[in-house]
Amino acid sequence: MLATAFENYCTGLEIDNMDSILNRYSEIVKRLNKSYWDIEDEDEHGYLVGSLGRHTVFVKIVVANI
């Protein structure tokens, strides 16, 4: 019972749309850079915070059955 509850908790923390998050991040940083610094860079002046910035995010791993 406790093991199942913990497994459900961990599953709820998994991020399965990392590409979408990083693409949106790049779009936002690029737009802010264009507006404030007149540059077209999507990395300069950008800073990921939280578990994404610390590289401690739970990323869903898909295992293929070979």
C-alpha atoms as a PDB file:
ATOM      1  CA  MET A   1       0.000   0.000   0.000  1.00  0.00           C
ATOM      2  CA  LEU A   2       2.730   2.479   0.934  1.00  0.00           C
ATOM      3  CA  ALA A   3       4.859   1.375  -2.028  1.00  0.00           C
ATOM      4  CA  THR A   4       1.950   1.934  -4.411  1.00  0.00           C
ATOM      5  CA  ALA A   5       1.236   5.355  -2.942  1.00  0.00           C
ATOM      6  CA  PHE A   6       4.886   6.366  -3.304  1.00  0.00           C
ATOM      7  CA  GLU A   7       5.003   5.065  -6.882  1.00  0.00           C
ATOM      8  CA  ASN A   8       1.875   7.087  -7.729  1.00  0.00           C
ATOM      9  CA  TYR A   9       3.431  10.158  -6.110  1.00  0.00           C
ATOM     10  CA  CYS A  10       6.647   9.793  -8.137  1.00  0.00           C
ATOM     11  CA  THR A  11       4.695   9.206 -11.346  1.00  0.00           C
ATOM     12  CA  GLY A  12       2.836  12.451 -10.732  1.00  0.00           C
ATOM     13  CA  LEU A  13       6.146  14.333 -10.596  1.00  0.00           C
ATOM     14  CA  GLU A  14       7.325  13.096 -13.992  1.00  0.00           C
ATOM     15  CA  ILE A  15       7.520  15.579 -16.846  1.00  0.00           C
ATOM     16  CA  ASP A  16       6.694  14.102 -20.223  1.00  0.00           C
ATOM     17  CA  ASN A  17       6.698  17.307 -22.282  1.00  0.00           C
ATOM     18  CA  MET A  18      10.282  18.485 -21.759  1.00  0.00           C
ATOM     19  CA  ASP A  19      10.730  19.391 -25.450  1.00  0.00           C
ATOM     20  CA  SER A  20       7.670  21.616 -25.321  1.00  0.00           C
ATOM     21  CA  ILE A  21       8.879  23.330 -22.143  1.00  0.00           C
ATOM     22  CA  LEU A  22      12.357  23.995 -23.549  1.00  0.00           C
ATOM     23  CA  ASN A  23      10.965  25.241 -26.866  1.00  0.00           C
ATOM     24  CA  ARG A  24       8.669  27.682 -25.073  1.00  0.00           C
ATOM     25  CA  TYR A  25      11.545  28.818 -22.847  1.00  0.00           C
ATOM     26  CA  SER A  26      13.661  29.538 -25.944  1.00  0.00           C
ATOM     27  CA  GLU A  27      10.809  31.468 -27.592  1.00  0.00           C
ATOM     28  CA  ILE A  28      10.311  33.632 -24.501  1.00  0.00           C
ATOM     29  CA  VAL A  29      14.028  34.361 -24.051  1.00  0.00           C
ATOM     30  CA  LYS A  30      14.426  35.169 -27.744  1.00  0.00           C
ATOM     31  CA  ARG A  31      11.463  37.579 -27.649  1.00  0.00           C
ATOM     32  CA  LEU A  32      12.716  39.318 -24.499  1.00  0.00           C
ATOM     33  CA  ASN A  33      16.200  39.610 -25.972  1.00  0.00           C
ATOM     34  CA  LYS A  34      14.768  41.180 -29.127  1.00  0.00           C
ATOM     35  CA  SER A  35      12.643  43.640 -27.156  1.00  0.00           C
ATOM     36  CA  TYR A  36      15.182  44.709 -24.536  1.00  0.00           C
ATOM     37  CA  TRP A  37      18.628  44.123 -26.055  1.00  0.00           C
ATOM     38  CA  ASP A  38      17.861  44.032 -29.803  1.00  0.00           C
ATOM     39  CA  ILE A  39      19.564  40.652 -30.256  1.00  0.00           C
ATOM     40  CA  GLU A  40      18.203  37.421 -31.795  1.00  0.00           C
ATOM     41  CA  ASP A  41      19.754  35.019 -29.258  1.00  0.00           C
ATOM     42  CA  GLU A  42      17.594  32.418 -27.498  1.00  0.00           C
ATOM     43  CA  ASP A  43      20.117  31.615 -24.739  1.00  0.00           C
ATOM     44  CA  GLU A  44      21.634  34.949 -23.737  1.00  0.00           C
ATOM     45  CA  HIS A  45      19.988  36.487 -20.642  1.00  0.00           C
ATOM     46  CA  GLY A  46      17.952  33.299 -20.050  1.00  0.00           C
ATOM     47  CA  TYR A  47      18.003  31.396 -16.774  1.00  0.00           C
ATOM     48  CA  LEU A  48      16.115  28.207 -15.964  1.00  0.00           C
ATOM     49  CA  VAL A  49      15.062  28.014 -12.333  1.00  0.00           C
ATOM     50  CA  GLY A  50      13.714  25.313 -10.068  1.00  0.00           C
ATOM     51  CA  SER A  51      14.225  21.642 -10.762  1.00  0.00           C
ATOM     52  CA  LEU A  52      14.774  22.318 -14.478  1.00  0.00           C
ATOM     53  CA  GLY A  53      17.630  24.696 -13.734  1.00  0.00           C
ATOM     54  CA  ARG A  54      19.148  22.361 -11.154  1.00  0.00           C
ATOM     55  CA  HIS A  55      18.785  19.346 -13.493  1.00  0.00           C
ATOM     56  CA  THR A  56      16.846  17.451 -10.823  1.00  0.00           C
ATOM     57  CA  VAL A  57      13.566  17.214 -12.714  1.00  0.00           C
ATOM     58  CA  PHE A  58      11.830  13.848 -13.019  1.00  0.00           C
ATOM     59  CA  VAL A  59      11.780  13.077 -16.740  1.00  0.00           C
ATOM     60  CA  LYS A  60       9.546  10.264 -17.905  1.00  0.00           C
ATOM     61  CA  ILE A  61      11.597   7.468 -19.432  1.00  0.00           C
ATOM     62  CA  VAL A  62       9.972   5.318 -22.075  1.00  0.00           C
ATOM     63  CA  VAL A  63      11.428   1.824 -22.321  1.00  0.00           C
ATOM     64  CA  ALA A  64      10.989   0.050 -25.643  1.00  0.00           C
ATOM     65  CA  ASN A  65      10.256  -3.644 -25.590  1.00  0.00           C
ATOM     66  CA  ILE A  66      12.786  -5.159 -27.958  1.00  0.00           C
END
